[in-house]
Amino acid sequence: MNILNLTQHKATKEQLEAGVIDLSEKNREFLIKELTFDEMPSREEIKRRAENIGLIPGQYGFMFAMIGGAPFLMPSLEKVLIRESISPLYAFSKRESVEVNKEGNIIKTSIFVHKGFISI
């Protein structure tokens, strides 16, 4: 199953192994611009951006898209994808924490490990 990555982050090694494919750098720049909100958007702006993002997978023949970003954008994006016969998927990751003691200091690092996808 090939899944187009429609998030602002590049796919992890585990996601790539599960079939996630990143957009080209040029197309990723466009995607990130559409996913980023510097000001409170109007309802029309949300719908416009969802439309712009939601049409991307079909242009490349994808039937699945991994989505994520501003929670207020996701319902509109889901609707566009479903209308276009693309199944929206959300990545599920498990947070694993590691504590390292260096020179009397404890450093805690969290690693997000991809565990699968959630379909709506």
C-alpha atoms as a PDB file:
ATOM      1  CA  MET A   1       0.000   0.000   0.000  1.00  0.00           C
ATOM      2  CA  ASN A   2       1.509   3.362  -1.038  1.00  0.00           C
ATOM      3  CA  ILE A   3       0.589   6.289   1.202  1.00  0.00           C
ATOM      4  CA  LEU A   4       1.332   9.900   0.264  1.00  0.00           C
ATOM      5  CA  ASN A   5       2.720  11.977   3.127  1.00  0.00           C
ATOM      6  CA  LEU A   6       0.633  15.157   3.432  1.00  0.00           C
ATOM      7  CA  THR A   7       2.188  16.311   6.709  1.00  0.00           C
ATOM      8  CA  GLN A   8       4.843  18.981   7.139  1.00  0.00           C
ATOM      9  CA  HIS A   9       7.337  16.416   8.461  1.00  0.00           C
ATOM     10  CA  LYS A  10       9.313  13.973   6.374  1.00  0.00           C
ATOM     11  CA  ALA A  11       8.328  10.351   6.898  1.00  0.00           C
ATOM     12  CA  THR A  12      10.268   8.389   9.502  1.00  0.00           C
ATOM     13  CA  LYS A  13      12.242   5.268   8.619  1.00  0.00           C
ATOM     14  CA  GLU A  14       9.398   3.106   9.975  1.00  0.00           C
ATOM     15  CA  GLN A  15       6.800   5.042   7.971  1.00  0.00           C
ATOM     16  CA  LEU A  16       8.856   4.713   4.788  1.00  0.00           C
ATOM     17  CA  GLU A  17       9.089   0.968   5.410  1.00  0.00           C
ATOM     18  CA  ALA A  18       5.276   0.909   5.827  1.00  0.00           C
ATOM     19  CA  GLY A  19       4.808   2.459   2.370  1.00  0.00           C
ATOM     20  CA  VAL A  20       4.726   6.197   3.059  1.00  0.00           C
ATOM     21  CA  ILE A  21       6.131   8.320   0.237  1.00  0.00           C
ATOM     22  CA  ASP A  22       7.266  11.930   0.694  1.00  0.00           C
ATOM     23  CA  LEU A  23       6.520  14.622  -1.865  1.00  0.00           C
ATOM     24  CA  SER A  24       9.349  16.109  -3.899  1.00  0.00           C
ATOM     25  CA  GLU A  25      11.014  19.130  -2.248  1.00  0.00           C
ATOM     26  CA  LYS A  26       9.217  21.575  -4.562  1.00  0.00           C
ATOM     27  CA  ASN A  27       5.828  20.053  -3.795  1.00  0.00           C
ATOM     28  CA  ARG A  28       6.661  19.789  -0.078  1.00  0.00           C
ATOM     29  CA  GLU A  29       7.339  23.536   0.003  1.00  0.00           C
ATOM     30  CA  PHE A  30       3.847  24.158  -1.406  1.00  0.00           C
ATOM     31  CA  LEU A  31       2.316  21.692   1.078  1.00  0.00           C
ATOM     32  CA  ILE A  32       4.066  23.266   4.066  1.00  0.00           C
ATOM     33  CA  LYS A  33       2.906  26.713   2.955  1.00  0.00           C
ATOM     34  CA  GLU A  34      -0.694  25.453   2.791  1.00  0.00           C
ATOM     35  CA  LEU A  35      -0.439  23.694   6.187  1.00  0.00           C
ATOM     36  CA  THR A  36       1.078  26.694   8.009  1.00  0.00           C
ATOM     37  CA  PHE A  37      -1.179  29.341   9.552  1.00  0.00           C
ATOM     38  CA  ASP A  38       0.427  32.528  10.881  1.00  0.00           C
ATOM     39  CA  GLU A  39      -2.907  34.239  11.482  1.00  0.00           C
ATOM     40  CA  MET A  40      -6.370  33.030  12.406  1.00  0.00           C
ATOM     41  CA  PRO A  41      -7.940  31.827   9.145  1.00  0.00           C
ATOM     42  CA  SER A  42     -11.471  32.380   7.937  1.00  0.00           C
ATOM     43  CA  ARG A  43     -13.706  29.410   7.179  1.00  0.00           C
ATOM     44  CA  GLU A  44     -13.204  30.141   3.481  1.00  0.00           C
ATOM     45  CA  GLU A  45      -9.399  30.088   3.878  1.00  0.00           C
ATOM     46  CA  ILE A  46      -9.571  26.719   5.634  1.00  0.00           C
ATOM     47  CA  LYS A  47     -11.744  25.266   2.867  1.00  0.00           C
ATOM     48  CA  ARG A  48      -9.469  26.687   0.142  1.00  0.00           C
ATOM     49  CA  ARG A  49      -6.346  25.207   1.700  1.00  0.00           C
ATOM     50  CA  ALA A  50      -8.051  21.852   2.305  1.00  0.00           C
ATOM     51  CA  GLU A  51      -9.025  21.789  -1.357  1.00  0.00           C
ATOM     52  CA  ASN A  52      -5.473  22.642  -2.488  1.00  0.00           C
ATOM     53  CA  ILE A  53      -3.971  19.915  -0.312  1.00  0.00           C
ATOM     54  CA  GLY A  54      -6.698  17.334  -0.897  1.00  0.00           C
ATOM     55  CA  LEU A  55      -6.256  17.336  -4.667  1.00  0.00           C
ATOM     56  CA  ILE A  56      -2.546  16.461  -4.500  1.00  0.00           C
ATOM     57  CA  PRO A  57      -2.773  12.652  -4.001  1.00  0.00           C
ATOM     58  CA  GLY A  58      -5.037  12.089  -7.008  1.00  0.00           C
ATOM     59  CA  GLN A  59      -2.574  13.896  -9.260  1.00  0.00           C
ATOM     60  CA  TYR A  60      -0.055  11.134  -8.514  1.00  0.00           C
ATOM     61  CA  GLY A  61      -2.439   8.170  -8.391  1.00  0.00           C
ATOM     62  CA  PHE A  62      -2.446   7.652  -4.615  1.00  0.00           C
ATOM     63  CA  MET A  63      -5.425   6.088  -2.865  1.00  0.00           C
ATOM     64  CA  PHE A  64      -4.145   6.758   0.677  1.00  0.00           C
ATOM     65  CA  ALA A  65      -2.794   9.920   2.326  1.00  0.00           C
ATOM     66  CA  MET A  66      -1.189  10.365   5.738  1.00  0.00           C
ATOM     67  CA  ILE A  67      -2.472  13.653   7.134  1.00  0.00           C
ATOM     68  CA  GLY A  68      -1.747  15.784  10.167  1.00  0.00           C
ATOM     69  CA  GLY A  69      -1.441  19.411  11.114  1.00  0.00           C
ATOM     70  CA  ALA A  70      -3.712  22.104  12.488  1.00  0.00           C
ATOM     71  CA  PRO A  71      -6.701  20.325  14.080  1.00  0.00           C
ATOM     72  CA  PHE A  72      -9.116  22.876  12.629  1.00  0.00           C
ATOM     73  CA  LEU A  73      -7.949  22.001   9.080  1.00  0.00           C
ATOM     74  CA  MET A  74      -8.212  18.218   9.327  1.00  0.00           C
ATOM     75  CA  PRO A  75     -12.037  17.793   9.082  1.00  0.00           C
ATOM     76  CA  SER A  76     -12.143  19.869   5.884  1.00  0.00           C
ATOM     77  CA  LEU A  77      -9.133  18.025   4.467  1.00  0.00           C
ATOM     78  CA  GLU A  78     -10.707  14.663   5.312  1.00  0.00           C
ATOM     79  CA  LYS A  79     -13.877  15.649   3.409  1.00  0.00           C
ATOM     80  CA  VAL A  80     -11.942  16.659   0.288  1.00  0.00           C
ATOM     81  CA  LEU A  81      -9.866  13.473   0.334  1.00  0.00           C
ATOM     82  CA  ILE A  82     -12.917  11.246   0.780  1.00  0.00           C
ATOM     83  CA  ARG A  83     -14.713  13.094  -2.034  1.00  0.00           C
ATOM     84  CA  GLU A  84     -11.667  12.372  -4.226  1.00  0.00           C
ATOM     85  CA  SER A  85     -11.715   8.657  -3.237  1.00  0.00           C
ATOM     86  CA  ILE A  86      -8.540   9.009  -1.151  1.00  0.00           C
ATOM     87  CA  SER A  87      -8.496   7.352   2.291  1.00  0.00           C
ATOM     88  CA  PRO A  88      -7.141   9.744   4.946  1.00  0.00           C
ATOM     89  CA  LEU A  89      -4.875   8.082   7.499  1.00  0.00           C
ATOM     90  CA  TYR A  90      -3.404   9.357  10.754  1.00  0.00           C
ATOM     91  CA  ALA A  91      -0.058   8.027  11.943  1.00  0.00           C
ATOM     92  CA  PHE A  92       0.014   6.375  15.340  1.00  0.00           C
ATOM     93  CA  SER A  93       3.299   6.637  17.216  1.00  0.00           C
ATOM     94  CA  LYS A  94       4.386   5.459  20.625  1.00  0.00           C
ATOM     95  CA  ARG A  95       6.526   7.796  22.704  1.00  0.00           C
ATOM     96  CA  GLU A  96       9.537   6.062  24.159  1.00  0.00           C
ATOM     97  CA  SER A  97      11.607   7.941  26.735  1.00  0.00           C
ATOM     98  CA  VAL A  98      15.280   7.419  27.427  1.00  0.00           C
ATOM     99  CA  GLU A  99      17.125   8.926  30.391  1.00  0.00           C
ATOM    100  CA  VAL A 100      20.885   9.342  30.243  1.00  0.00           C
ATOM    101  CA  ASN A 101      23.025  10.424  33.180  1.00  0.00           C
ATOM    102  CA  LYS A 102      25.928  12.571  31.983  1.00  0.00           C
ATOM    103  CA  GLU A 103      28.241  14.231  34.492  1.00  0.00           C
ATOM    104  CA  GLY A 104      25.578  14.288  37.192  1.00  0.00           C
ATOM    105  CA  ASN A 105      22.868  15.633  34.889  1.00  0.00           C
ATOM    106  CA  ILE A 106      19.941  13.590  33.690  1.00  0.00           C
ATOM    107  CA  ILE A 107      18.978  14.175  30.090  1.00  0.00           C
ATOM    108  CA  LYS A 108      15.567  12.868  29.046  1.00  0.00           C
ATOM    109  CA  THR A 109      14.891  12.331  25.365  1.00  0.00           C
ATOM    110  CA  SER A 110      11.601  11.243  23.806  1.00  0.00           C
ATOM    111  CA  ILE A 111      11.555   9.288  20.595  1.00  0.00           C
ATOM    112  CA  PHE A 112       8.321   8.829  18.654  1.00  0.00           C
ATOM    113  CA  VAL A 113       8.212   5.354  17.131  1.00  0.00           C
ATOM    114  CA  HIS A 114       5.724   4.777  14.315  1.00  0.00           C
ATOM    115  CA  LYS A 115       3.381   1.890  15.135  1.00  0.00           C
ATOM    116  CA  GLY A 116       0.714   2.050  12.422  1.00  0.00           C
ATOM    117  CA  PHE A 117      -2.108   4.054  10.882  1.00  0.00           C
ATOM    118  CA  ILE A 118      -5.598   5.011  12.002  1.00  0.00           C
ATOM    119  CA  SER A 119      -8.238   5.286   9.303  1.00  0.00           C
ATOM    120  CA  ILE A 120     -11.334   7.383   9.864  1.00  0.00           C
END
